[in-house]
C-alpha atoms as a PDB file:
ATOM      1  CA  MET A   1     -44.219 -79.892  95.511  1.00  0.00           C
ATOM      2  CA  LYS A   2     -43.521 -76.778  97.427  1.00  0.00           C
ATOM      3  CA  PHE A   3     -41.097 -75.572  94.697  1.00  0.00           C
ATOM      4  CA  ILE A   4     -43.790 -76.026  92.104  1.00  0.00           C
ATOM      5  CA  ILE A   5     -46.268 -73.952  94.195  1.00  0.00           C
ATOM      6  CA  VAL A   6     -43.735 -71.252  94.786  1.00  0.00           C
ATOM      7  CA  LEU A   7     -42.880 -71.094  91.071  1.00  0.00           C
ATOM      8  CA  PHE A   8     -46.508 -70.937  90.187  1.00  0.00           C
ATOM      9  CA  LEU A   9     -47.075 -68.036  92.629  1.00  0.00           C
ATOM     10  CA  LEU A  10     -44.072 -66.304  91.208  1.00  0.00           C
ATOM     11  CA  VAL A  11     -45.409 -66.583  87.698  1.00  0.00           C
ATOM     12  CA  ILE A  12     -48.722 -65.083  88.721  1.00  0.00           C
ATOM     13  CA  LEU A  13     -46.925 -62.190  90.570  1.00  0.00           C
ATOM     14  CA  ILE A  14     -44.828 -61.380  87.452  1.00  0.00           C
ATOM     15  CA  PHE A  15     -47.965 -61.437  85.280  1.00  0.00           C
ATOM     16  CA  TYR A  16     -49.734 -58.926  87.423  1.00  0.00           C
ATOM     17  CA  TRP A  17     -46.628 -56.805  87.756  1.00  0.00           C
ATOM     18  CA  VAL A  18     -46.415 -56.578  83.927  1.00  0.00           C
ATOM     19  CA  LYS A  19     -50.006 -55.546  83.743  1.00  0.00           C
ATOM     20  CA  ILE A  20     -49.395 -52.811  86.378  1.00  0.00           C
ATOM     21  CA  VAL A  21     -46.423 -51.446  84.446  1.00  0.00           C
ATOM     22  CA  LYS A  22     -48.264 -51.442  81.157  1.00  0.00           C
ATOM     23  CA  SER A  23     -51.125 -49.606  82.768  1.00  0.00           C
ATOM     24  CA  PHE A  24     -48.741 -47.048  84.235  1.00  0.00           C
ATOM     25  CA  ARG A  25     -47.024 -46.534  80.809  1.00  0.00           C
ATOM     26  CA  LYS A  26     -50.420 -46.038  79.132  1.00  0.00           C
ATOM     27  CA  LYS A  27     -51.785 -43.631  81.704  1.00  0.00           C
ATOM     28  CA  TYR A  28     -48.616 -41.535  82.285  1.00  0.00           C
ATOM     29  CA  LEU A  29     -45.862 -42.126  80.004  1.00  0.00           C
ATOM     30  CA  PHE A  30     -47.825 -42.182  76.715  1.00  0.00           C
ATOM     31  CA  SER A  31     -49.528 -38.971  77.717  1.00  0.00           C
ATOM     32  CA  ASN A  32     -46.060 -37.531  78.381  1.00  0.00           C
ATOM     33  CA  GLN A  33     -47.185 -35.961  81.539  1.00  0.00           C
ATOM     34  CA  PHE A  34     -44.064 -37.201  83.412  1.00  0.00           C
ATOM     35  CA  LYS A  35     -40.617 -38.190  82.637  1.00  0.00           C
ATOM     36  CA  GLU A  36     -38.136 -40.142  84.693  1.00  0.00           C
ATOM     37  CA  GLY A  37     -38.451 -39.149  88.322  1.00  0.00           C
ATOM     38  CA  PHE A  38     -41.971 -37.955  87.852  1.00  0.00           C
ATOM     39  CA  GLU A  39     -40.827 -34.421  86.997  1.00  0.00           C
ATOM     40  CA  LEU A  40     -43.513 -32.502  85.261  1.00  0.00           C
ATOM     41  CA  VAL A  41     -42.195 -31.303  81.869  1.00  0.00           C
ATOM     42  CA  ASN A  42     -45.299 -30.070  79.975  1.00  0.00           C
ATOM     43  CA  THR A  43     -45.330 -26.534  78.734  1.00  0.00           C
ATOM     44  CA  TRP A  44     -48.358 -26.916  76.578  1.00  0.00           C
ATOM     45  CA  PRO A  45     -51.855 -27.312  77.963  1.00  0.00           C
ATOM     46  CA  GLU A  46     -52.731 -30.968  78.535  1.00  0.00           C
ATOM     47  CA  ASP A  47     -55.700 -30.834  76.090  1.00  0.00           C
ATOM     48  CA  LEU A  48     -53.310 -29.527  73.391  1.00  0.00           C
ATOM     49  CA  ILE A  49     -50.898 -32.407  73.982  1.00  0.00           C
ATOM     50  CA  GLN A  50     -53.613 -34.967  73.562  1.00  0.00           C
ATOM     51  CA  ARG A  51     -54.947 -33.219  70.354  1.00  0.00           C
ATOM     52  CA  PHE A  52     -51.352 -33.047  69.026  1.00  0.00           C
ATOM     53  CA  LEU A  53     -50.854 -36.835  69.584  1.00  0.00           C
ATOM     54  CA  ILE A  54     -54.177 -37.608  67.915  1.00  0.00           C
ATOM     55  CA  TYR A  55     -53.248 -35.430  64.971  1.00  0.00           C
ATOM     56  CA  GLN A  56     -49.968 -37.260  64.695  1.00  0.00           C
ATOM     57  CA  ARG A  57     -51.749 -40.679  64.711  1.00  0.00           C
ATOM     58  CA  THR A  58     -54.506 -39.674  62.285  1.00  0.00           C
ATOM     59  CA  ILE A  59     -53.735 -36.841  59.788  1.00  0.00           C
ATOM     60  CA  GLY A  60     -50.022 -37.402  60.248  1.00  0.00           C
ATOM     61  CA  GLU A  61     -50.544 -41.128  59.737  1.00  0.00           C
ATOM     62  CA  ASN A  62     -47.666 -41.679  62.194  1.00  0.00           C
ATOM     63  CA  ASN A  63     -45.184 -40.920  59.349  1.00  0.00           C
ATOM     64  CA  TYR A  64     -43.256 -38.818  61.748  1.00  0.00           C
ATOM     65  CA  SER A  65     -42.981 -39.651  65.435  1.00  0.00           C
ATOM     66  CA  TYR A  66     -42.392 -36.571  67.602  1.00  0.00           C
ATOM     67  CA  ASN A  67     -40.788 -36.644  70.998  1.00  0.00           C
ATOM     68  CA  ILE A  68     -43.365 -34.667  72.800  1.00  0.00           C
ATOM     69  CA  ASP A  69     -40.879 -33.348  75.395  1.00  0.00           C
ATOM     70  CA  ILE A  70     -38.519 -32.029  72.849  1.00  0.00           C
ATOM     71  CA  VAL A  71     -41.082 -30.505  70.552  1.00  0.00           C
ATOM     72  CA  GLN A  72     -42.640 -28.608  73.533  1.00  0.00           C
ATOM     73  CA  LYS A  73     -39.185 -26.971  74.002  1.00  0.00           C
ATOM     74  CA  GLN A  74     -38.832 -26.138  70.325  1.00  0.00           C
ATOM     75  CA  ALA A  75     -42.336 -24.714  69.627  1.00  0.00           C
ATOM     76  CA  THR A  76     -44.822 -22.637  71.501  1.00  0.00           C
ATOM     77  CA  ALA A  77     -48.367 -23.671  72.182  1.00  0.00           C
ATOM     78  CA  LYS A  78     -49.535 -21.081  69.600  1.00  0.00           C
ATOM     79  CA  GLU A  79     -47.316 -22.684  66.998  1.00  0.00           C
ATOM     80  CA  ALA A  80     -48.762 -26.103  67.785  1.00  0.00           C
ATOM     81  CA  GLU A  81     -52.290 -24.672  67.500  1.00  0.00           C
ATOM     82  CA  ASP A  82     -51.388 -23.277  64.140  1.00  0.00           C
ATOM     83  CA  LEU A  83     -50.159 -26.715  62.896  1.00  0.00           C
ATOM     84  CA  LEU A  84     -53.493 -28.403  64.102  1.00  0.00           C
ATOM     85  CA  LYS A  85     -55.475 -25.664  62.399  1.00  0.00           C
ATOM     86  CA  ASN A  86     -53.568 -25.200  59.075  1.00  0.00           C
ATOM     87  CA  GLY A  87     -51.594 -28.372  58.719  1.00  0.00           C
ATOM     88  CA  TYR A  88     -48.317 -26.420  58.648  1.00  0.00           C
ATOM     89  CA  TRP A  89     -45.871 -25.100  61.231  1.00  0.00           C
ATOM     90  CA  TYR A  90     -45.339 -21.407  61.164  1.00  0.00           C
ATOM     91  CA  TRP A  91     -42.071 -20.284  59.517  1.00  0.00           C
ATOM     92  CA  PRO A  92     -40.968 -16.644  59.129  1.00  0.00           C
ATOM     93  CA  ASP A  93     -40.436 -15.582  55.529  1.00  0.00           C
ATOM     94  CA  TYR A  94     -36.670 -15.430  55.801  1.00  0.00           C
ATOM     95  CA  LEU A  95     -36.562 -18.987  56.935  1.00  0.00           C
ATOM     96  CA  LYS A  96     -38.650 -20.090  53.937  1.00  0.00           C
ATOM     97  CA  GLU A  97     -36.186 -18.264  51.637  1.00  0.00           C
ATOM     98  CA  GLU A  98     -33.149 -19.853  53.458  1.00  0.00           C
ATOM     99  CA  TYR A  99     -34.638 -23.271  53.069  1.00  0.00           C
ATOM    100  CA  MET A 100     -35.549 -22.969  49.371  1.00  0.00           C
ATOM    101  CA  GLU A 101     -32.058 -21.537  48.654  1.00  0.00           C
ATOM    102  CA  LYS A 102     -30.511 -24.538  50.356  1.00  0.00           C
ATOM    103  CA  VAL A 103     -32.670 -26.954  48.215  1.00  0.00           C
ATOM    104  CA  LYS A 104     -31.744 -25.093  44.964  1.00  0.00           C
ATOM    105  CA  ARG A 105     -28.085 -25.599  45.810  1.00  0.00           C
ATOM    106  CA  ASN A 106     -28.411 -29.291  46.441  1.00  0.00           C
ATOM    107  CA  ASN A 107     -26.551 -31.045  43.541  1.00  0.00           C
ATOM    108  CA  LEU A 108     -27.425 -34.595  44.608  1.00  0.00           C
ATOM    109  CA  ILE A 109     -31.150 -34.383  44.930  1.00  0.00           C
ATOM    110  CA  LYS A 110     -33.185 -32.159  42.505  1.00  0.00           C
ATOM    111  CA  ILE A 111     -36.653 -31.230  43.659  1.00  0.00           C
ATOM    112  CA  ASP A 112     -38.920 -28.203  43.164  1.00  0.00           C
ATOM    113  CA  PRO A 113     -38.032 -26.003  46.125  1.00  0.00           C
ATOM    114  CA  LYS A 114     -41.648 -24.968  46.685  1.00  0.00           C
ATOM    115  CA  VAL A 115     -42.819 -28.681  46.876  1.00  0.00           C
ATOM    116  CA  SER A 116     -40.001 -29.457  49.240  1.00  0.00           C
ATOM    117  CA  LEU A 117     -40.930 -26.362  51.376  1.00  0.00           C
ATOM    118  CA  ASP A 118     -44.591 -27.526  51.539  1.00  0.00           C
ATOM    119  CA  SER A 119     -43.528 -30.972  52.803  1.00  0.00           C
ATOM    120  CA  ALA A 120     -40.929 -29.653  55.287  1.00  0.00           C
ATOM    121  CA  MET A 121     -43.461 -27.137  56.868  1.00  0.00           C
ATOM    122  CA  LYS A 122     -45.772 -30.029  57.599  1.00  0.00           C
ATOM    123  CA  VAL A 123     -43.134 -31.748  59.588  1.00  0.00           C
ATOM    124  CA  TYR A 124     -40.591 -29.317  61.189  1.00  0.00           C
ATOM    125  CA  ASN A 125     -41.216 -26.410  63.469  1.00  0.00           C
ATOM    126  CA  GLN A 126     -39.271 -23.413  62.832  1.00  0.00           C
ATOM    127  CA  ASN A 127     -36.640 -23.909  65.583  1.00  0.00           C
ATOM    128  CA  ALA A 128     -35.992 -27.514  64.406  1.00  0.00           C
ATOM    129  CA  MET A 129     -35.460 -26.360  60.837  1.00  0.00           C
ATOM    130  CA  LYS A 130     -33.162 -23.553  62.006  1.00  0.00           C
ATOM    131  CA  GLU A 131     -31.038 -26.203  63.692  1.00  0.00           C
ATOM    132  CA  LEU A 132     -30.931 -28.384  60.637  1.00  0.00           C
ATOM    133  CA  LEU A 133     -29.949 -25.382  58.378  1.00  0.00           C
ATOM    134  CA  ALA A 134     -27.379 -24.151  61.034  1.00  0.00           C
ATOM    135  CA  TRP A 135     -25.442 -27.437  61.113  1.00  0.00           C
ATOM    136  CA  ASN A 136     -25.264 -27.304  57.267  1.00  0.00           C
ATOM    137  CA  ALA A 137     -23.874 -23.783  57.242  1.00  0.00           C
ATOM    138  CA  LYS A 138     -20.181 -23.068  57.280  1.00  0.00           C
ATOM    139  CA  GLU A 139     -20.263 -22.224  61.048  1.00  0.00           C
ATOM    140  CA  GLY A 140     -21.989 -25.590  61.781  1.00  0.00           C
ATOM    141  CA  ASN A 141     -19.450 -27.432  59.631  1.00  0.00           C
ATOM    142  CA  LEU A 142     -16.673 -25.945  61.683  1.00  0.00           C
ATOM    143  CA  LEU A 143     -18.365 -26.989  64.962  1.00  0.00           C
ATOM    144  CA  LEU A 144     -19.215 -30.489  63.726  1.00  0.00           C
ATOM    145  CA  TYR A 145     -16.167 -31.408  61.735  1.00  0.00           C
ATOM    146  CA  GLY A 146     -13.441 -28.911  62.601  1.00  0.00           C
ATOM    147  CA  VAL A 147     -10.904 -27.498  60.258  1.00  0.00           C
ATOM    148  CA  ASP A 148      -8.193 -29.336  58.181  1.00  0.00           C
ATOM    149  CA  LEU A 149      -4.701 -27.909  58.823  1.00  0.00           C
ATOM    150  CA  GLY A 150      -3.069 -30.163  56.189  1.00  0.00           C
ATOM    151  CA  VAL A 151      -0.329 -32.859  56.521  1.00  0.00           C
ATOM    152  CA  THR A 152       2.948 -32.584  58.349  1.00  0.00           C
ATOM    153  CA  ASP A 153       5.942 -32.759  55.967  1.00  0.00           C
ATOM    154  CA  GLY A 154       7.169 -36.278  55.501  1.00  0.00           C
ATOM    155  CA  LEU A 155       4.122 -38.026  56.855  1.00  0.00           C
ATOM    156  CA  PRO A 156       1.516 -40.035  54.949  1.00  0.00           C
ATOM    157  CA  GLU A 157      -1.015 -37.980  53.162  1.00  0.00           C
ATOM    158  CA  ASN A 158      -4.020 -39.526  55.065  1.00  0.00           C
ATOM    159  CA  LEU A 159      -2.738 -38.126  58.438  1.00  0.00           C
ATOM    160  CA  HIS A 160      -4.386 -34.654  58.428  1.00  0.00           C
ATOM    161  CA  ASN A 161      -3.716 -32.270  61.258  1.00  0.00           C
ATOM    162  CA  THR A 162      -7.006 -30.837  62.605  1.00  0.00           C
ATOM    163  CA  ILE A 163      -8.580 -28.461  65.057  1.00  0.00           C
ATOM    164  CA  LYS A 164     -12.013 -29.527  66.213  1.00  0.00           C
ATOM    165  CA  CYS A 165     -14.398 -29.581  69.228  1.00  0.00           C
ATOM    166  CA  SER A 166     -13.394 -32.456  71.476  1.00  0.00           C
ATOM    167  CA  ASN A 167     -13.737 -33.439  75.069  1.00  0.00           C
ATOM    168  CA  ASP A 168     -10.835 -32.735  77.367  1.00  0.00           C
ATOM    169  CA  GLU A 169      -9.651 -34.814  80.340  1.00  0.00           C
ATOM    170  CA  THR A 170     -12.311 -33.302  82.518  1.00  0.00           C
ATOM    171  CA  GLY A 171     -15.114 -33.976  80.072  1.00  0.00           C
ATOM    172  CA  ASN A 172     -15.514 -30.363  78.934  1.00  0.00           C
ATOM    173  CA  THR A 173     -15.889 -29.648  75.232  1.00  0.00           C
ATOM    174  CA  VAL A 174     -13.055 -27.479  74.033  1.00  0.00           C
ATOM    175  CA  MET A 175     -11.262 -26.674  70.744  1.00  0.00           C
ATOM    176  CA  GLN A 176      -8.489 -29.275  70.431  1.00  0.00           C
ATOM    177  CA  LYS A 177      -5.561 -29.223  68.120  1.00  0.00           C
ATOM    178  CA  LYS A 178      -4.218 -32.560  66.827  1.00  0.00           C
ATOM    179  CA  VAL A 179      -0.845 -32.689  65.122  1.00  0.00           C
ATOM    180  CA  TYR A 180       0.698 -35.920  63.806  1.00  0.00           C
ATOM    181  CA  THR A 181       4.399 -36.154  64.705  1.00  0.00           C
ATOM    182  CA  GLY A 182       5.388 -39.415  63.105  1.00  0.00           C
ATOM    183  CA  VAL A 183       4.725 -43.089  62.613  1.00  0.00           C
ATOM    184  CA  ASN A 184       5.881 -45.765  65.008  1.00  0.00           C
ATOM    185  CA  LEU A 185       8.014 -48.181  63.032  1.00  0.00           C
ATOM    186  CA  TRP A 186       7.425 -51.065  65.510  1.00  0.00           C
ATOM    187  CA  ASN A 187       3.655 -51.251  65.418  1.00  0.00           C
ATOM    188  CA  GLY A 188       2.689 -48.868  62.488  1.00  0.00           C
ATOM    189  CA  TYR A 189       0.606 -46.714  64.743  1.00  0.00           C
ATOM    190  CA  SER A 190       0.807 -42.882  64.188  1.00  0.00           C
ATOM    191  CA  ASP A 191       2.100 -40.622  66.869  1.00  0.00           C
ATOM    192  CA  TYR A 192       0.347 -37.250  67.546  1.00  0.00           C
ATOM    193  CA  LYS A 193       0.181 -34.438  70.002  1.00  0.00           C
ATOM    194  CA  LEU A 194      -3.059 -33.142  71.446  1.00  0.00           C
ATOM    195  CA  THR A 195      -3.322 -29.428  72.618  1.00  0.00           C
ATOM    196  CA  ASN A 196      -6.321 -27.883  74.172  1.00  0.00           C
ATOM    197  CA  LEU A 197      -6.438 -24.327  72.711  1.00  0.00           C
ATOM    198  CA  LYS A 198      -7.248 -21.250  74.656  1.00  0.00           C
ATOM    199  CA  ASN A 199     -10.158 -19.276  73.285  1.00  0.00           C
ATOM    200  CA  GLU A 200      -8.172 -16.136  72.722  1.00  0.00           C
ATOM    201  CA  ASP A 201      -5.646 -18.064  70.560  1.00  0.00           C
ATOM    202  CA  LEU A 202      -8.169 -19.401  68.100  1.00  0.00           C
ATOM    203  CA  PRO A 203      -7.960 -16.515  65.607  1.00  0.00           C
ATOM    204  CA  ASP A 204      -4.271 -17.259  65.233  1.00  0.00           C
ATOM    205  CA  GLU A 205      -4.725 -21.083  65.001  1.00  0.00           C
ATOM    206  CA  ILE A 206      -7.786 -21.277  62.676  1.00  0.00           C
ATOM    207  CA  PRO A 207      -7.376 -19.580  59.263  1.00  0.00           C
ATOM    208  CA  GLY A 208     -10.196 -17.135  58.595  1.00  0.00           C
ATOM    209  CA  PHE A 209     -11.572 -17.300  62.191  1.00  0.00           C
ATOM    210  CA  SER A 210     -12.521 -14.292  64.264  1.00  0.00           C
ATOM    211  CA  PHE A 211     -14.709 -13.544  67.227  1.00  0.00           C
ATOM    212  CA  VAL A 212     -17.689 -11.216  66.746  1.00  0.00           C
ATOM    213  CA  LYS A 213     -17.392  -9.960  70.364  1.00  0.00           C
ATOM    214  CA  SER A 214     -14.939 -11.080  73.051  1.00  0.00           C
ATOM    215  CA  PRO A 215     -13.157 -14.435  73.063  1.00  0.00           C
ATOM    216  CA  CYS A 216     -15.440 -17.304  74.030  1.00  0.00           C
ATOM    217  CA  ASN A 217     -15.777 -21.054  73.615  1.00  0.00           C
ATOM    218  CA  PRO A 218     -17.252 -21.870  70.151  1.00  0.00           C
ATOM    219  CA  CYS A 219     -17.985 -25.405  71.173  1.00  0.00           C
ATOM    220  CA  SER A 220     -20.601 -24.191  73.538  1.00  0.00           C
ATOM    221  CA  ASN A 221     -22.751 -23.749  70.479  1.00  0.00           C
ATOM    222  CA  LEU A 222     -23.003 -27.525  70.324  1.00  0.00           C
ATOM    223  CA  ASP A 223     -25.234 -27.746  73.373  1.00  0.00           C
ATOM    224  CA  LEU A 224     -28.774 -28.870  72.281  1.00  0.00           C
ATOM    225  CA  ASP A 225     -30.355 -26.194  74.472  1.00  0.00           C
ATOM    226  CA  ARG A 226     -31.007 -23.140  72.173  1.00  0.00           C
ATOM    227  CA  SER A 227     -30.082 -20.748  75.018  1.00  0.00           C
ATOM    228  CA  SER A 228     -26.556 -21.967  74.733  1.00  0.00           C
ATOM    229  CA  TYR A 229     -25.909 -20.125  71.381  1.00  0.00           C
ATOM    230  CA  ILE A 230     -23.840 -17.553  73.107  1.00  0.00           C
ATOM    231  CA  CYS A 231     -20.475 -17.511  71.285  1.00  0.00           C
ATOM    232  CA  PRO A 232     -20.776 -15.725  67.981  1.00  0.00           C
ATOM    233  CA  PHE A 233     -17.861 -15.995  65.501  1.00  0.00           C
ATOM    234  CA  GLU A 234     -17.140 -15.544  61.813  1.00  0.00           C
ATOM    235  CA  ILE A 235     -15.393 -18.148  59.670  1.00  0.00           C
ATOM    236  CA  ARG A 236     -14.199 -17.324  56.114  1.00  0.00           C
ATOM    237  CA  ILE A 237     -13.768 -20.070  53.536  1.00  0.00           C
ATOM    238  CA  LYS A 238     -10.657 -20.344  51.450  1.00  0.00           C
ATOM    239  CA  LYS A 239     -10.992 -19.715  47.705  1.00  0.00           C
ATOM    240  CA  ASP A 240      -8.118 -22.023  46.937  1.00  0.00           C
ATOM    241  CA  PRO A 241      -7.164 -24.959  49.177  1.00  0.00           C
ATOM    242  CA  HIS A 242      -3.543 -24.371  48.268  1.00  0.00           C
ATOM    243  CA  SER A 243      -3.631 -20.593  49.070  1.00  0.00           C
ATOM    244  CA  ASP A 244      -0.970 -19.482  51.670  1.00  0.00           C
ATOM    245  CA  LEU A 245      -3.679 -17.363  53.335  1.00  0.00           C
ATOM    246  CA  SER A 246      -1.386 -14.274  53.122  1.00  0.00           C
ATOM    247  CA  SER A 247      -4.262 -11.749  52.854  1.00  0.00           C
ATOM    248  CA  ASN A 248      -8.022 -11.235  53.011  1.00  0.00           C
ATOM    249  CA  SER A 249      -8.171 -11.772  49.218  1.00  0.00           C
ATOM    250  CA  ASP A 250      -7.466 -15.394  49.791  1.00  0.00           C
ATOM    251  CA  PHE A 251     -10.884 -15.927  51.310  1.00  0.00           C
ATOM    252  CA  LYS A 252     -14.433 -16.105  50.004  1.00  0.00           C
ATOM    253  CA  SER A 253     -17.830 -16.418  51.691  1.00  0.00           C
ATOM    254  CA  ARG A 254     -17.143 -13.564  54.173  1.00  0.00           C
ATOM    255  CA  GLY A 255     -19.744 -12.622  56.796  1.00  0.00           C
ATOM    256  CA  ILE A 256     -22.016 -14.779  59.026  1.00  0.00           C
ATOM    257  CA  SER A 257     -24.686 -16.988  57.708  1.00  0.00           C
ATOM    258  CA  ARG A 258     -28.188 -15.572  58.177  1.00  0.00           C
ATOM    259  CA  ILE A 259     -29.362 -18.658  60.309  1.00  0.00           C
ATOM    260  CA  TRP A 260     -26.464 -18.174  62.729  1.00  0.00           C
ATOM    261  CA  LYS A 261     -27.150 -14.459  62.910  1.00  0.00           C
ATOM    262  CA  ASP A 262     -30.686 -15.278  64.114  1.00  0.00           C
ATOM    263  CA  LEU A 263     -29.421 -17.931  66.573  1.00  0.00           C
ATOM    264  CA  TRP A 264     -26.916 -15.419  67.983  1.00  0.00           C
ATOM    265  CA  ASN A 265     -29.417 -12.629  67.897  1.00  0.00           C
ATOM    266  CA  LEU A 266     -27.104 -10.383  65.911  1.00  0.00           C
END
């Protein structure tokens, strides 16, 4: 009997605790006034945040769910007001041109660039779109996927040596070189050697790579905080994948992408 009474009281306690938690989430978390640890994160006025959330649920029809903490870091309060007033995020002219050019070059999906631009400006603020375009540029491809150094003589063709951003033994992101040295005949596993490259050695290790200023860690550009775009570099793309890279004439696409020039303030 006592056990049943205790169990009943426990169920009632859990019921009210759930109600309290839901009330807290509705009052504080949904309004995004606080994040974990009750640290104030708002940079927009509170009334703007509420109007933005209402806009998202009504005119936006909840088709795109924004993380309000992130969008406040990407866009200013003025840009948010422009969206609520005009139905579009503000983009500078060069960003519109870059976006439409990217759409024109898309061989998989054909769509009118102006129609695509109209749709994109309703959804993405300018800094979010800059990041999307940046990762699709040659500089972004190097940071995300690295560079292919080819295959070691005598090894299977699927074992490509690479240089790419990886975490070292201390957890720091560095340029790491991976070279396959053989195949273990006992278990079939491939053997390889990993080397953390020094920043100053990268121009000699990566074909077509050079620093704009002094040597720095290119992988620092992978930090999601825009203020971390502090290591400008140039990467030239090979004309012919079988080229011996003996001269500058073996490269195409010289110069830095317009988007990365903007991110690096060049």
